[in-house]
Amino acid sequence: METLISLSPIILMFVIFYFLLIRPQQKRQKQVRQMQSELKKGDAVITIGGLHGEVHAIDEDTVVIACGENSRMKYDRSAIREVKQS
């Protein structure tokens, strides 16, 4: 019984870490994966490098982004940080 009482602060600390750090991070990762899987042609996007452009074509793992008059760049789908709302 004493060992359980002496371990309770460590267990409590783990529970607090889970709810304050681990769980919110998992939720954010799930939202990002969902956003990246729902990309479609014509979406205005921002990459993790800060490039603003429009999705020109989508492959299974890559996205072609039009970012100028005749400029198209190929990125991994995971490089898309967010979809801009129009």
Protein backbone atom coordinates (compact mmCIF):
# COMPACT_ATOMS: atom_id res chain seq x y z
CA MET A 1 0.00 0.00 0.00
CA GLU A 2 2.87 2.38 0.76
CA THR A 3 4.41 1.83 -2.67
CA LEU A 4 1.13 2.81 -4.33
CA ILE A 5 0.99 5.99 -2.28
CA SER A 6 4.61 6.81 -3.05
CA LEU A 7 4.01 6.23 -6.78
CA SER A 8 0.83 8.30 -6.91
CA PRO A 9 2.60 11.63 -7.67
CA ILE A 10 4.37 10.01 -10.64
CA ILE A 11 1.11 8.51 -11.90
CA LEU A 12 -0.67 11.83 -11.43
CA MET A 13 2.11 13.61 -13.34
CA PHE A 14 1.77 11.15 -16.24
CA VAL A 15 -2.02 11.69 -16.37
CA ILE A 16 -1.55 15.47 -16.39
CA PHE A 17 1.08 15.24 -19.16
CA TYR A 18 -1.25 13.04 -21.19
CA PHE A 19 -4.17 15.46 -21.04
CA LEU A 20 -2.12 18.65 -21.44
CA LEU A 21 0.50 17.59 -24.00
CA ILE A 22 -0.01 14.23 -25.68
CA ARG A 23 -3.77 14.25 -26.33
CA PRO A 24 -3.95 17.75 -27.91
CA GLN A 25 -0.95 16.94 -30.14
CA GLN A 26 -2.66 13.77 -31.37
CA LYS A 27 -5.82 15.76 -32.15
CA ARG A 28 -3.81 18.33 -34.15
CA GLN A 29 -2.03 15.58 -36.10
CA LYS A 30 -5.37 13.95 -36.91
CA GLN A 31 -6.79 17.27 -38.17
CA VAL A 32 -3.72 17.91 -40.36
CA ARG A 33 -3.87 14.40 -41.87
CA GLN A 34 -7.57 14.86 -42.60
CA MET A 35 -6.97 18.28 -44.21
CA GLN A 36 -4.16 16.87 -46.37
CA SER A 37 -6.28 13.92 -47.48
CA GLU A 38 -9.20 16.20 -48.44
CA LEU A 39 -7.15 18.46 -50.73
CA LYS A 40 -8.72 19.06 -54.12
CA LYS A 41 -7.83 20.90 -57.30
CA GLY A 42 -8.31 24.65 -57.00
CA ASP A 43 -7.73 24.89 -53.23
CA ALA A 44 -5.62 27.85 -52.11
CA VAL A 45 -2.88 26.44 -49.86
CA ILE A 46 0.14 27.45 -47.83
CA THR A 47 3.12 25.09 -47.52
CA ILE A 48 5.26 24.60 -44.44
CA GLY A 49 7.91 26.71 -46.21
CA GLY A 50 5.51 29.62 -46.61
CA LEU A 51 4.71 29.25 -50.33
CA HIS A 52 1.22 30.49 -51.20
CA GLY A 53 -0.40 28.95 -54.24
CA GLU A 54 -3.27 27.01 -55.72
CA VAL A 55 -3.47 23.25 -56.13
CA HIS A 56 -3.10 22.49 -59.83
CA ALA A 57 -2.93 18.68 -59.72
CA ILE A 58 -3.00 15.99 -57.05
CA ASP A 59 -1.31 12.62 -57.06
CA GLU A 60 -1.40 9.98 -54.34
CA ASP A 61 1.58 11.42 -52.42
CA THR A 62 2.35 14.65 -54.28
CA VAL A 63 0.65 17.94 -55.04
CA VAL A 64 1.46 20.30 -57.92
CA ILE A 65 1.03 23.91 -56.83
CA ALA A 66 0.62 26.79 -59.27
CA CYS A 67 2.26 29.81 -57.66
CA GLY A 68 2.64 32.26 -60.53
CA GLU A 69 1.80 32.88 -64.17
CA ASN A 70 3.49 29.76 -65.61
CA SER A 71 5.12 28.45 -62.47
CA ARG A 72 4.24 25.05 -61.06
CA MET A 73 6.01 23.32 -58.19
CA LYS A 74 5.72 19.74 -57.04
CA TYR A 75 5.48 19.10 -53.27
CA ASP A 76 4.81 16.16 -51.01
CA ARG A 77 1.27 16.18 -49.70
CA SER A 78 2.68 16.35 -46.17
CA ALA A 79 4.28 19.74 -46.97
CA ILE A 80 0.87 21.44 -47.04
CA ARG A 81 0.40 23.37 -43.80
CA GLU A 82 -3.07 24.78 -44.34
CA VAL A 83 -5.84 25.42 -46.81
CA LYS A 84 -6.75 29.11 -46.99
CA GLN A 85 -10.41 29.96 -46.67
CA SER A 86 -11.72 32.07 -49.53
